[in-house]
């Protein structure tokens, strides 16, 4: 399937593009041998860019089939400004069709939504970027600075065979880039004002928690299940997992979260000061997004996997667990100290994966351009910073000194549980939100 070069503008084709992208099954299982579809999707992206005149680069990031596509749109010839990277990923997490009300790779457009795995994470932004790149090329648009469009592999498994490989092995692909925009930002949060009116805040991601997947291992004596055993590896690791899973880390107010809470307090009258006595409870008055915001007030360590034993009557010599740790900027050393205090006497830890946290300030020309673009299409809107409890490819690009933001604008219905759609069953994005986002993103890119 191709799109016609003479299509009038991005808004006219963005829904079809997002739907078509979803129909590529780009499931990333985390295992290179079973991950699929990235190459086919990437080559299609290159095709629809090339048909309007782009010269593209298809790059495999360290393994066959891990496809990435790059295209550049030149800015003014006399400009001394750095390029802006517009990055999005093509892979998605697995989906079980029997759990869904529509097939997760149908790309169905019905009931005002585009349905399917990746609709919000993140083929909606892929579609917006692709539609606008095509429009700019068709129209002969010269943006205020060079734009680098990147469509990437492997984000859903941490970017080892995607952004991080590219940064380490092909930094030339990012030559001249000084700033970047990517996923999980720019979406609206509707809040109630004391005067009975509502206000839409558009959350711009300025920070991400660090990601550390930790393996715990307990070693003890193997033996018969009927005997008395003072040291049992399963017991040791289970007790440690329980202590970590129930542990509450201290509240730490970072700059990004503090600015977000101050902005919400100003609009709602809620007491969200850092020293508010019931801050955790008050946060839940923000609705469904409270799960994300609450997770940015402190470090988290959530047990996710257990493995031990091979027979019911054999006490194993070894037991293991995996903990998903998300750490606030500047907290890694203190976090590890607290974890070590929770370990059992025969339990050791090691990092399976570690990606640093990231934080930038909410200021400068690019931030002004985001807010201006929102106001141009929603006069009652306002851009505010926030921290993402998860992570994105921004962690890789920050290694190159690139200043990163999350800005994929969407105007969402107030009652939509947006956070639950990420990696959830019946993932979907409102058609109107994608159309709105395309208009805002166009304005932003033309004034960035």
Foldseek 3Di string as FASTA:
>chain_A
DEDDLVPPALLVCLLVQLLQLLLQQQADALDPVPGDRQQVSQVVLVVRLPNLPWDKDWDFQPDPPFTKIKTKAAADPPDPAFEEEEEAESYFHDDDQVLFPHGQSRLDCDPQWGWHTCQVNPSLLVSLVSRRSSRCSSVVNHFNHMYMYMYWGDFVNPQPRILQSCVVPPVVSRPRFAAYAYADWAEWQWAAAPVRDIFIETAKEFKEFKKWKKKKKFFDDKDWQVDDDPDFQVVQVVQLLVLQQPDDFDFDDDPQLQQVQVVNCVGHVQPCHPVPPPNLVSLCVSPLCSVFSVCQRAKHKHWDDKDDDDDDGMRGRMIMTMIIITHHPPCPVVVVVVSVVSHGPRMDMDTPDIFHIGGDDCDDQLNVLLQVLCCVLPVRYGYGYHYGHHDGSVSSVVVVNHRYMYHQHFYDDNPDSQVCLRVHHRRIHRSNRSSSSSSSVSSSRNRD
